[in-house]
Amino acid sequence: MDETWAPEACTLPTAERPFRVAEFDDLFATHLRDAERVDPQTLDLTLNPESRATVEDLTARETECCSFFTFTLTGTTELHLRITVPPTQTAVLDGLLA
């Protein structure tokens, strides 16, 4: 993942950003089954169901520093995470899976 995807609107301290990027990298490397870019503002991910606690924790913390994200988590046998951003933040979705 490209570590420069965090936009200026992110309030996470700069020193902590590489660690957050590493958390997303690990989640995707370990649990990502499928990714579909629905439109420029929407990314749908399918993840292993055992990653639910990790996904819930990571998305909650990400929402605290980057309030422009909307995360919707559904499913039990397959975990589906929909990530949406406003039109001005589409580059963030590009960077998430780069």
PDB file of N, CA and C in Angstrom:
ATOM      1  N   MET A   1       0.843  -1.174   0.000  1.00  0.00           N
ATOM      2  CA  MET A   1       0.000   0.000   0.000  1.00  0.00           C
ATOM      3  C   MET A   1       0.888   1.237   0.000  1.00  0.00           C
ATOM      4  N   ASP A   2       0.498   2.235  -0.734  1.00  0.00           N
ATOM      5  CA  ASP A   2       1.191   3.505  -0.805  1.00  0.00           C
ATOM      6  C   ASP A   2       0.953   4.277   0.489  1.00  0.00           C
ATOM      7  N   GLU A   3       2.022   4.644   1.192  1.00  0.00           N
ATOM      8  CA  GLU A   3       1.875   5.315   2.479  1.00  0.00           C
ATOM      9  C   GLU A   3       1.460   6.771   2.355  1.00  0.00           C
ATOM     10  N   THR A   4       1.375   7.311   1.150  1.00  0.00           N
ATOM     11  CA  THR A   4       1.020   8.716   0.975  1.00  0.00           C
ATOM     12  C   THR A   4      -0.464   8.907   0.741  1.00  0.00           C
ATOM     13  N   TRP A   5      -1.265   7.881   0.889  1.00  0.00           N
ATOM     14  CA  TRP A   5      -2.693   8.010   0.588  1.00  0.00           C
ATOM     15  C   TRP A   5      -3.466   8.778   1.638  1.00  0.00           C
ATOM     16  N   ALA A   6      -2.924   8.943   2.832  1.00  0.00           N
ATOM     17  CA  ALA A   6      -3.634   9.676   3.887  1.00  0.00           C
ATOM     18  C   ALA A   6      -3.719  11.156   3.508  1.00  0.00           C
ATOM     19  N   PRO A   7      -4.917  11.687   3.383  1.00  0.00           N
ATOM     20  CA  PRO A   7      -5.082  13.077   2.957  1.00  0.00           C
ATOM     21  C   PRO A   7      -4.817  14.065   4.089  1.00  0.00           C
ATOM     22  N   GLU A   8      -4.708  15.339   3.725  1.00  0.00           N
ATOM     23  CA  GLU A   8      -4.486  16.383   4.722  1.00  0.00           C
ATOM     24  C   GLU A   8      -5.622  16.450   5.738  1.00  0.00           C
ATOM     25  N   ALA A   9      -6.825  16.026   5.354  1.00  0.00           N
ATOM     26  CA  ALA A   9      -7.978  16.062   6.263  1.00  0.00           C
ATOM     27  C   ALA A   9      -7.844  15.072   7.415  1.00  0.00           C
ATOM     28  N   CYS A  10      -6.903  14.161   7.328  1.00  0.00           N
ATOM     29  CA  CYS A  10      -6.688  13.168   8.386  1.00  0.00           C
ATOM     30  C   CYS A  10      -6.045  13.840   9.593  1.00  0.00           C
ATOM     31  N   THR A  11      -6.602  13.600  10.771  1.00  0.00           N
ATOM     32  CA  THR A  11      -6.066  14.201  11.991  1.00  0.00           C
ATOM     33  C   THR A  11      -5.143  13.257  12.761  1.00  0.00           C
ATOM     34  N   LEU A  12      -4.893  12.071  12.227  1.00  0.00           N
ATOM     35  CA  LEU A  12      -3.954  11.152  12.868  1.00  0.00           C
ATOM     36  C   LEU A  12      -2.561  11.778  12.803  1.00  0.00           C
ATOM     37  N   PRO A  13      -1.843  11.830  13.916  1.00  0.00           N
ATOM     38  CA  PRO A  13      -0.500  12.414  13.880  1.00  0.00           C
ATOM     39  C   PRO A  13       0.366  11.745  12.816  1.00  0.00           C
ATOM     40  N   THR A  14       1.138  12.542  12.121  1.00  0.00           N
ATOM     41  CA  THR A  14       1.959  12.059  11.011  1.00  0.00           C
ATOM     42  C   THR A  14       2.828  10.873  11.416  1.00  0.00           C
ATOM     43  N   ALA A  15       3.383  10.906  12.601  1.00  0.00           N
ATOM     44  CA  ALA A  15       4.256   9.817  13.059  1.00  0.00           C
ATOM     45  C   ALA A  15       3.518   8.494  13.195  1.00  0.00           C
ATOM     46  N   GLU A  16       2.210   8.531  13.406  1.00  0.00           N
ATOM     47  CA  GLU A  16       1.424   7.309  13.585  1.00  0.00           C
ATOM     48  C   GLU A  16       0.883   6.750  12.271  1.00  0.00           C
ATOM     49  N   ARG A  17       0.920   7.532  11.206  1.00  0.00           N
ATOM     50  CA  ARG A  17       0.326   7.098   9.938  1.00  0.00           C
ATOM     51  C   ARG A  17       0.950   5.830   9.369  1.00  0.00           C
ATOM     52  N   PRO A  18       2.286   5.664   9.398  1.00  0.00           N
ATOM     53  CA  PRO A  18       2.841   4.404   8.870  1.00  0.00           C
ATOM     54  C   PRO A  18       2.326   3.170   9.607  1.00  0.00           C
ATOM     55  N   PHE A  19       2.069   3.301  10.901  1.00  0.00           N
ATOM     56  CA  PHE A  19       1.546   2.169  11.668  1.00  0.00           C
ATOM     57  C   PHE A  19       0.117   1.837  11.246  1.00  0.00           C
ATOM     58  N   ARG A  20      -0.686   2.859  10.980  1.00  0.00           N
ATOM     59  CA  ARG A  20      -2.067   2.631  10.533  1.00  0.00           C
ATOM     60  C   ARG A  20      -2.069   2.004   9.145  1.00  0.00           C
ATOM     61  N   VAL A  21      -1.211   2.498   8.267  1.00  0.00           N
ATOM     62  CA  VAL A  21      -1.093   1.910   6.931  1.00  0.00           C
ATOM     63  C   VAL A  21      -0.701   0.444   7.051  1.00  0.00           C
ATOM     64  N   ALA A  22       0.221   0.142   7.950  1.00  0.00           N
ATOM     65  CA  ALA A  22       0.651  -1.248   8.161  1.00  0.00           C
ATOM     66  C   ALA A  22      -0.501  -2.112   8.663  1.00  0.00           C
ATOM     67  N   GLU A  23      -1.381  -1.547   9.485  1.00  0.00           N
ATOM     68  CA  GLU A  23      -2.547  -2.304   9.961  1.00  0.00           C
ATOM     69  C   GLU A  23      -3.475  -2.654   8.805  1.00  0.00           C
ATOM     70  N   PHE A  24      -3.725  -1.700   7.914  1.00  0.00           N
ATOM     71  CA  PHE A  24      -4.548  -1.987   6.739  1.00  0.00           C
ATOM     72  C   PHE A  24      -3.856  -3.007   5.841  1.00  0.00           C
ATOM     73  N   ASP A  25      -2.543  -2.847   5.629  1.00  0.00           N
ATOM     74  CA  ASP A  25      -1.788  -3.805   4.816  1.00  0.00           C
ATOM     75  C   ASP A  25      -1.939  -5.219   5.364  1.00  0.00           C
ATOM     76  N   ASP A  26      -1.780  -5.367   6.669  1.00  0.00           N
ATOM     77  CA  ASP A  26      -1.879  -6.681   7.302  1.00  0.00           C
ATOM     78  C   ASP A  26      -3.291  -7.247   7.175  1.00  0.00           C
ATOM     79  N   LEU A  27      -4.296  -6.412   7.415  1.00  0.00           N
ATOM     80  CA  LEU A  27      -5.687  -6.859   7.280  1.00  0.00           C
ATOM     81  C   LEU A  27      -5.943  -7.376   5.873  1.00  0.00           C
ATOM     82  N   PHE A  28      -5.538  -6.603   4.872  1.00  0.00           N
ATOM     83  CA  PHE A  28      -5.795  -7.001   3.491  1.00  0.00           C
ATOM     84  C   PHE A  28      -4.985  -8.233   3.099  1.00  0.00           C
ATOM     85  N   ALA A  29      -3.729  -8.304   3.519  1.00  0.00           N
ATOM     86  CA  ALA A  29      -2.885  -9.452   3.172  1.00  0.00           C
ATOM     87  C   ALA A  29      -3.396 -10.735   3.811  1.00  0.00           C
ATOM     88  N   THR A  30      -3.948 -10.626   5.001  1.00  0.00           N
ATOM     89  CA  THR A  30      -4.374 -11.796   5.757  1.00  0.00           C
ATOM     90  C   THR A  30      -5.825 -12.193   5.509  1.00  0.00           C
ATOM     91  N   HIS A  31      -6.711 -11.217   5.322  1.00  0.00           N
ATOM     92  CA  HIS A  31      -8.143 -11.518   5.343  1.00  0.00           C
ATOM     93  C   HIS A  31      -8.940 -11.103   4.110  1.00  0.00           C
ATOM     94  N   LEU A  32      -8.354 -10.346   3.202  1.00  0.00           N
ATOM     95  CA  LEU A  32      -9.115  -9.867   2.046  1.00  0.00           C
ATOM     96  C   LEU A  32      -9.365 -10.995   1.054  1.00  0.00           C
ATOM     97  N   ARG A  33     -10.633 -11.200   0.724  1.00  0.00           N
ATOM     98  CA  ARG A  33     -11.018 -12.207  -0.268  1.00  0.00           C
ATOM     99  C   ARG A  33     -11.290 -11.574  -1.627  1.00  0.00           C
ATOM    100  N   ASP A  34     -11.911 -10.386  -1.613  1.00  0.00           N
ATOM    101  CA  ASP A  34     -12.290  -9.736  -2.870  1.00  0.00           C
ATOM    102  C   ASP A  34     -12.444  -8.240  -2.631  1.00  0.00           C
ATOM    103  N   ALA A  35     -12.200  -7.478  -3.679  1.00  0.00           N
ATOM    104  CA  ALA A  35     -12.397  -6.029  -3.630  1.00  0.00           C
ATOM    105  C   ALA A  35     -13.028  -5.590  -4.940  1.00  0.00           C
ATOM    106  N   GLU A  36     -14.032  -4.729  -4.827  1.00  0.00           N
ATOM    107  CA  GLU A  36     -14.705  -4.216  -6.018  1.00  0.00           C
ATOM    108  C   GLU A  36     -14.906  -2.718  -5.860  1.00  0.00           C
ATOM    109  N   ARG A  37     -14.419  -1.972  -6.831  1.00  0.00           N
ATOM    110  CA  ARG A  37     -14.640  -0.526  -6.847  1.00  0.00           C
ATOM    111  C   ARG A  37     -15.988  -0.304  -7.512  1.00  0.00           C
ATOM    112  N   VAL A  38     -17.000  -0.045  -6.723  1.00  0.00           N
ATOM    113  CA  VAL A  38     -18.373   0.101  -7.198  1.00  0.00           C
ATOM    114  C   VAL A  38     -18.512   1.363  -8.035  1.00  0.00           C
ATOM    115  N   ASP A  39     -17.932   2.441  -7.558  1.00  0.00           N
ATOM    116  CA  ASP A  39     -17.897   3.720  -8.265  1.00  0.00           C
ATOM    117  C   ASP A  39     -16.733   4.504  -7.664  1.00  0.00           C
ATOM    118  N   PRO A  40     -16.438   5.700  -8.167  1.00  0.00           N
ATOM    119  CA  PRO A  40     -15.272   6.422  -7.648  1.00  0.00           C
ATOM    120  C   PRO A  40     -15.291   6.667  -6.142  1.00  0.00           C
ATOM    121  N   GLN A  41     -16.462   6.707  -5.539  1.00  0.00           N
ATOM    122  CA  GLN A  41     -16.583   7.012  -4.117  1.00  0.00           C
ATOM    123  C   GLN A  41     -16.840   5.793  -3.237  1.00  0.00           C
ATOM    124  N   THR A  42     -16.937   4.608  -3.832  1.00  0.00           N
ATOM    125  CA  THR A  42     -17.344   3.421  -3.068  1.00  0.00           C
ATOM    126  C   THR A  42     -16.445   2.228  -3.368  1.00  0.00           C
ATOM    127  N   LEU A  43     -15.988   1.587  -2.308  1.00  0.00           N
ATOM    128  CA  LEU A  43     -15.183   0.379  -2.410  1.00  0.00           C
ATOM    129  C   LEU A  43     -15.835  -0.692  -1.549  1.00  0.00           C
ATOM    130  N   ASP A  44     -16.112  -1.849  -2.151  1.00  0.00           N
ATOM    131  CA  ASP A  44     -16.678  -2.985  -1.419  1.00  0.00           C
ATOM    132  C   ASP A  44     -15.600  -4.042  -1.227  1.00  0.00           C
ATOM    133  N   LEU A  45     -15.428  -4.461   0.012  1.00  0.00           N
ATOM    134  CA  LEU A  45     -14.455  -5.496   0.342  1.00  0.00           C
ATOM    135  C   LEU A  45     -15.169  -6.702   0.923  1.00  0.00           C
ATOM    136  N   THR A  46     -14.690  -7.886   0.576  1.00  0.00           N
ATOM    137  CA  THR A  46     -15.141  -9.121   1.202  1.00  0.00           C
ATOM    138  C   THR A  46     -13.947  -9.666   1.971  1.00  0.00           C
ATOM    139  N   LEU A  47     -14.172  -9.917   3.257  1.00  0.00           N
ATOM    140  CA  LEU A  47     -13.096 -10.348   4.145  1.00  0.00           C
ATOM    141  C   LEU A  47     -13.475 -11.638   4.853  1.00  0.00           C
ATOM    142  N   ASN A  48     -12.470 -12.343   5.346  1.00  0.00           N
ATOM    143  CA  ASN A  48     -12.729 -13.541   6.141  1.00  0.00           C
ATOM    144  C   ASN A  48     -13.525 -13.152   7.384  1.00  0.00           C
ATOM    145  N   PRO A  49     -14.535 -13.940   7.745  1.00  0.00           N
ATOM    146  CA  PRO A  49     -15.384 -13.575   8.885  1.00  0.00           C
ATOM    147  C   PRO A  49     -14.640 -13.500  10.214  1.00  0.00           C
ATOM    148  N   GLU A  50     -13.551 -14.237  10.354  1.00  0.00           N
ATOM    149  CA  GLU A  50     -12.814 -14.193  11.619  1.00  0.00           C
ATOM    150  C   GLU A  50     -12.092 -12.858  11.833  1.00  0.00           C
ATOM    151  N   SER A  51     -12.112 -11.995  10.829  1.00  0.00           N
ATOM    152  CA  SER A  51     -11.469 -10.686  10.967  1.00  0.00           C
ATOM    153  C   SER A  51     -12.411  -9.620  11.530  1.00  0.00           C
ATOM    154  N   ARG A  52     -13.642 -10.000  11.870  1.00  0.00           N
ATOM    155  CA  ARG A  52     -14.651  -9.008  12.299  1.00  0.00           C
ATOM    156  C   ARG A  52     -14.143  -8.082  13.411  1.00  0.00           C
ATOM    157  N   ALA A  53     -13.591  -8.620  14.472  1.00  0.00           N
ATOM    158  CA  ALA A  53     -13.146  -7.780  15.591  1.00  0.00           C
ATOM    159  C   ALA A  53     -12.053  -6.804  15.147  1.00  0.00           C
ATOM    160  N   THR A  54     -11.139  -7.283  14.334  1.00  0.00           N
ATOM    161  CA  THR A  54     -10.073  -6.422  13.823  1.00  0.00           C
ATOM    162  C   THR A  54     -10.644  -5.320  12.948  1.00  0.00           C
ATOM    163  N   VAL A  55     -11.566  -5.681  12.061  1.00  0.00           N
ATOM    164  CA  VAL A  55     -12.185  -4.701  11.169  1.00  0.00           C
ATOM    165  C   VAL A  55     -12.969  -3.668  11.973  1.00  0.00           C
ATOM    166  N   GLU A  56     -13.735  -4.119  12.947  1.00  0.00           N
ATOM    167  CA  GLU A  56     -14.513  -3.185  13.772  1.00  0.00           C
ATOM    168  C   GLU A  56     -13.601  -2.204  14.503  1.00  0.00           C
ATOM    169  N   ASP A  57     -12.524  -2.709  15.068  1.00  0.00           N
ATOM    170  CA  ASP A  57     -11.584  -1.855  15.792  1.00  0.00           C
ATOM    171  C   ASP A  57     -10.891  -0.869  14.853  1.00  0.00           C
ATOM    172  N   LEU A  58     -10.375  -1.371  13.748  1.00  0.00           N
ATOM    173  CA  LEU A  58      -9.634  -0.528  12.811  1.00  0.00           C
ATOM    174  C   LEU A  58     -10.523   0.547  12.194  1.00  0.00           C
ATOM    175  N   THR A  59     -11.726   0.181  11.786  1.00  0.00           N
ATOM    176  CA  THR A  59     -12.611   1.178  11.171  1.00  0.00           C
ATOM    177  C   THR A  59     -13.089   2.211  12.195  1.00  0.00           C
ATOM    178  N   ALA A  60     -13.287   1.802  13.435  1.00  0.00           N
ATOM    179  CA  ALA A  60     -13.675   2.767  14.475  1.00  0.00           C
ATOM    180  C   ALA A  60     -12.558   3.783  14.700  1.00  0.00           C
ATOM    181  N   ARG A  61     -11.336   3.303  14.772  1.00  0.00           N
ATOM    182  CA  ARG A  61     -10.205   4.217  14.973  1.00  0.00           C
ATOM    183  C   ARG A  61      -9.979   5.101  13.757  1.00  0.00           C
ATOM    184  N   GLU A  62     -10.183   4.551  12.574  1.00  0.00           N
ATOM    185  CA  GLU A  62      -9.995   5.338  11.346  1.00  0.00           C
ATOM    186  C   GLU A  62     -11.048   6.436  11.238  1.00  0.00           C
ATOM    187  N   THR A  63     -12.260   6.148  11.650  1.00  0.00           N
ATOM    188  CA  THR A  63     -13.326   7.153  11.617  1.00  0.00           C
ATOM    189  C   THR A  63     -13.017   8.310  12.567  1.00  0.00           C
ATOM    190  N   GLU A  64     -12.341   8.020  13.669  1.00  0.00           N
ATOM    191  CA  GLU A  64     -11.986   9.073  14.626  1.00  0.00           C
ATOM    192  C   GLU A  64     -11.043  10.108  14.027  1.00  0.00           C
ATOM    193  N   CYS A  65     -10.112   9.678  13.188  1.00  0.00           N
ATOM    194  CA  CYS A  65      -9.129  10.616  12.636  1.00  0.00           C
ATOM    195  C   CYS A  65      -9.485  11.085  11.231  1.00  0.00           C
ATOM    196  N   CYS A  66     -10.276  10.324  10.528  1.00  0.00           N
ATOM    197  CA  CYS A  66     -10.661  10.666   9.152  1.00  0.00           C
ATOM    198  C   CYS A  66     -12.176  10.573   9.044  1.00  0.00           C
ATOM    199  N   SER A  67     -12.837  11.618   9.487  1.00  0.00           N
ATOM    200  CA  SER A  67     -14.298  11.591   9.593  1.00  0.00           C
ATOM    201  C   SER A  67     -15.005  11.550   8.249  1.00  0.00           C
ATOM    202  N   PHE A  68     -14.272  11.740   7.167  1.00  0.00           N
ATOM    203  CA  PHE A  68     -14.895  11.684   5.843  1.00  0.00           C
ATOM    204  C   PHE A  68     -15.210  10.258   5.416  1.00  0.00           C
ATOM    205  N   PHE A  69     -14.617   9.256   6.063  1.00  0.00           N
ATOM    206  CA  PHE A  69     -14.912   7.858   5.748  1.00  0.00           C
ATOM    207  C   PHE A  69     -16.280   7.462   6.294  1.00  0.00           C
ATOM    208  N   THR A  70     -16.989   6.628   5.526  1.00  0.00           N
ATOM    209  CA  THR A  70     -18.153   5.922   6.046  1.00  0.00           C
ATOM    210  C   THR A  70     -17.881   4.440   5.845  1.00  0.00           C
ATOM    211  N   PHE A  71     -17.911   3.684   6.931  1.00  0.00           N
ATOM    212  CA  PHE A  71     -17.692   2.246   6.888  1.00  0.00           C
ATOM    213  C   PHE A  71     -18.995   1.552   7.253  1.00  0.00           C
ATOM    214  N   THR A  72     -19.404   0.584   6.416  1.00  0.00           N
ATOM    215  CA  THR A  72     -20.596  -0.209   6.698  1.00  0.00           C
ATOM    216  C   THR A  72     -20.189  -1.674   6.670  1.00  0.00           C
ATOM    217  N   LEU A  73     -20.319  -2.339   7.803  1.00  0.00           N
ATOM    218  CA  LEU A  73     -19.909  -3.732   7.944  1.00  0.00           C
ATOM    219  C   LEU A  73     -21.145  -4.606   8.073  1.00  0.00           C
ATOM    220  N   THR A  74     -21.248  -5.622   7.205  1.00  0.00           N
ATOM    221  CA  THR A  74     -22.387  -6.542   7.223  1.00  0.00           C
ATOM    222  C   THR A  74     -21.892  -7.967   7.013  1.00  0.00           C
ATOM    223  N   GLY A  75     -22.789  -8.915   7.294  1.00  0.00           N
ATOM    224  CA  GLY A  75     -22.510 -10.318   7.014  1.00  0.00           C
ATOM    225  C   GLY A  75     -21.976 -11.075   8.210  1.00  0.00           C
ATOM    226  N   THR A  76     -22.154 -12.391   8.141  1.00  0.00           N
ATOM    227  CA  THR A  76     -21.640 -13.266   9.190  1.00  0.00           C
ATOM    228  C   THR A  76     -20.782 -14.377   8.591  1.00  0.00           C
ATOM    229  N   THR A  77     -21.297 -15.092   7.588  1.00  0.00           N
ATOM    230  CA  THR A  77     -20.491 -16.142   6.963  1.00  0.00           C
ATOM    231  C   THR A  77     -19.479 -15.550   5.997  1.00  0.00           C
ATOM    232  N   GLU A  78     -19.808 -14.427   5.404  1.00  0.00           N
ATOM    233  CA  GLU A  78     -18.873 -13.616   4.628  1.00  0.00           C
ATOM    234  C   GLU A  78     -18.985 -12.210   5.170  1.00  0.00           C
ATOM    235  N   LEU A  79     -17.873 -11.597   5.425  1.00  0.00           N
ATOM    236  CA  LEU A  79     -17.858 -10.255   5.979  1.00  0.00           C
ATOM    237  C   LEU A  79     -17.721  -9.256   4.834  1.00  0.00           C
ATOM    238  N   HIS A  80     -18.650  -8.322   4.763  1.00  0.00           N
ATOM    239  CA  HIS A  80     -18.637  -7.308   3.706  1.00  0.00           C
ATOM    240  C   HIS A  80     -18.423  -5.940   4.335  1.00  0.00           C
ATOM    241  N   LEU A  81     -17.430  -5.241   3.828  1.00  0.00           N
ATOM    242  CA  LEU A  81     -17.136  -3.897   4.297  1.00  0.00           C
ATOM    243  C   LEU A  81     -17.274  -2.944   3.123  1.00  0.00           C
ATOM    244  N   ARG A  82     -18.210  -2.018   3.233  1.00  0.00           N
ATOM    245  CA  ARG A  82     -18.373  -0.972   2.218  1.00  0.00           C
ATOM    246  C   ARG A  82     -17.728   0.293   2.769  1.00  0.00           C
ATOM    247  N   ILE A  83     -16.838   0.859   1.972  1.00  0.00           N
ATOM    248  CA  ILE A  83     -16.157   2.093   2.347  1.00  0.00           C
ATOM    249  C   ILE A  83     -16.582   3.165   1.358  1.00  0.00           C
ATOM    250  N   THR A  84     -17.111   4.262   1.871  1.00  0.00           N
ATOM    251  CA  THR A  84     -17.482   5.376   1.003  1.00  0.00           C
ATOM    252  C   THR A  84     -16.778   6.639   1.481  1.00  0.00           C
ATOM    253  N   VAL A  85     -16.502   7.497   0.506  1.00  0.00           N
ATOM    254  CA  VAL A  85     -15.854   8.782   0.768  1.00  0.00           C
ATOM    255  C   VAL A  85     -16.540   9.848  -0.074  1.00  0.00           C
ATOM    256  N   PRO A  86     -16.406  11.109   0.296  1.00  0.00           N
ATOM    257  CA  PRO A  86     -16.962  12.178  -0.531  1.00  0.00           C
ATOM    258  C   PRO A  86     -16.152  12.331  -1.822  1.00  0.00           C
ATOM    259  N   PRO A  87     -16.706  13.025  -2.807  1.00  0.00           N
ATOM    260  CA  PRO A  87     -16.017  13.179  -4.097  1.00  0.00           C
ATOM    261  C   PRO A  87     -14.604  13.751  -3.985  1.00  0.00           C
ATOM    262  N   THR A  88     -14.348  14.565  -3.001  1.00  0.00           N
ATOM    263  CA  THR A  88     -13.022  15.173  -2.849  1.00  0.00           C
ATOM    264  C   THR A  88     -11.980  14.219  -2.276  1.00  0.00           C
ATOM    265  N   GLN A  89     -12.387  13.022  -1.850  1.00  0.00           N
ATOM    266  CA  GLN A  89     -11.463  12.085  -1.204  1.00  0.00           C
ATOM    267  C   GLN A  89     -11.317  10.759  -1.952  1.00  0.00           C
ATOM    268  N   THR A  90     -11.670  10.715  -3.225  1.00  0.00           N
ATOM    269  CA  THR A  90     -11.607   9.446  -3.962  1.00  0.00           C
ATOM    270  C   THR A  90     -10.185   8.889  -4.068  1.00  0.00           C
ATOM    271  N   ALA A  91      -9.185   9.744  -4.020  1.00  0.00           N
ATOM    272  CA  ALA A  91      -7.798   9.266  -4.089  1.00  0.00           C
ATOM    273  C   ALA A  91      -7.456   8.372  -2.898  1.00  0.00           C
ATOM    274  N   VAL A  92      -8.161   8.554  -1.794  1.00  0.00           N
ATOM    275  CA  VAL A  92      -7.927   7.711  -0.619  1.00  0.00           C
ATOM    276  C   VAL A  92      -8.284   6.262  -0.934  1.00  0.00           C
ATOM    277  N   LEU A  93      -9.398   6.063  -1.633  1.00  0.00           N
ATOM    278  CA  LEU A  93      -9.777   4.696  -2.007  1.00  0.00           C
ATOM    279  C   LEU A  93      -8.775   4.116  -2.994  1.00  0.00           C
ATOM    280  N   ASP A  94      -8.256   4.950  -3.894  1.00  0.00           N
ATOM    281  CA  ASP A  94      -7.221   4.486  -4.820  1.00  0.00           C
ATOM    282  C   ASP A  94      -6.019   3.965  -4.033  1.00  0.00           C
ATOM    283  N   GLY A  95      -5.641   4.696  -2.998  1.00  0.00           N
ATOM    284  CA  GLY A  95      -4.467   4.343  -2.214  1.00  0.00           C
ATOM    285  C   GLY A  95      -4.646   3.154  -1.303  1.00  0.00           C
ATOM    286  N   LEU A  96      -5.868   2.913  -0.863  1.00  0.00           N
ATOM    287  CA  LEU A  96      -6.100   1.804   0.065  1.00  0.00           C
ATOM    288  C   LEU A  96      -5.656   0.459  -0.485  1.00  0.00           C
ATOM    289  N   LEU A  97      -5.917   0.229  -1.736  1.00  0.00           N
ATOM    290  CA  LEU A  97      -5.574  -1.077  -2.310  1.00  0.00           C
ATOM    291  C   LEU A  97      -4.397  -1.022  -3.274  1.00  0.00           C
ATOM    292  N   ALA A  98      -3.688   0.086  -3.295  1.00  0.00           N
ATOM    293  CA  ALA A  98      -2.546   0.226  -4.218  1.00  0.00           C
ATOM    294  C   ALA A  98      -1.408  -0.686  -3.818  1.00  0.00           C
TER     295      ALA A  98
END
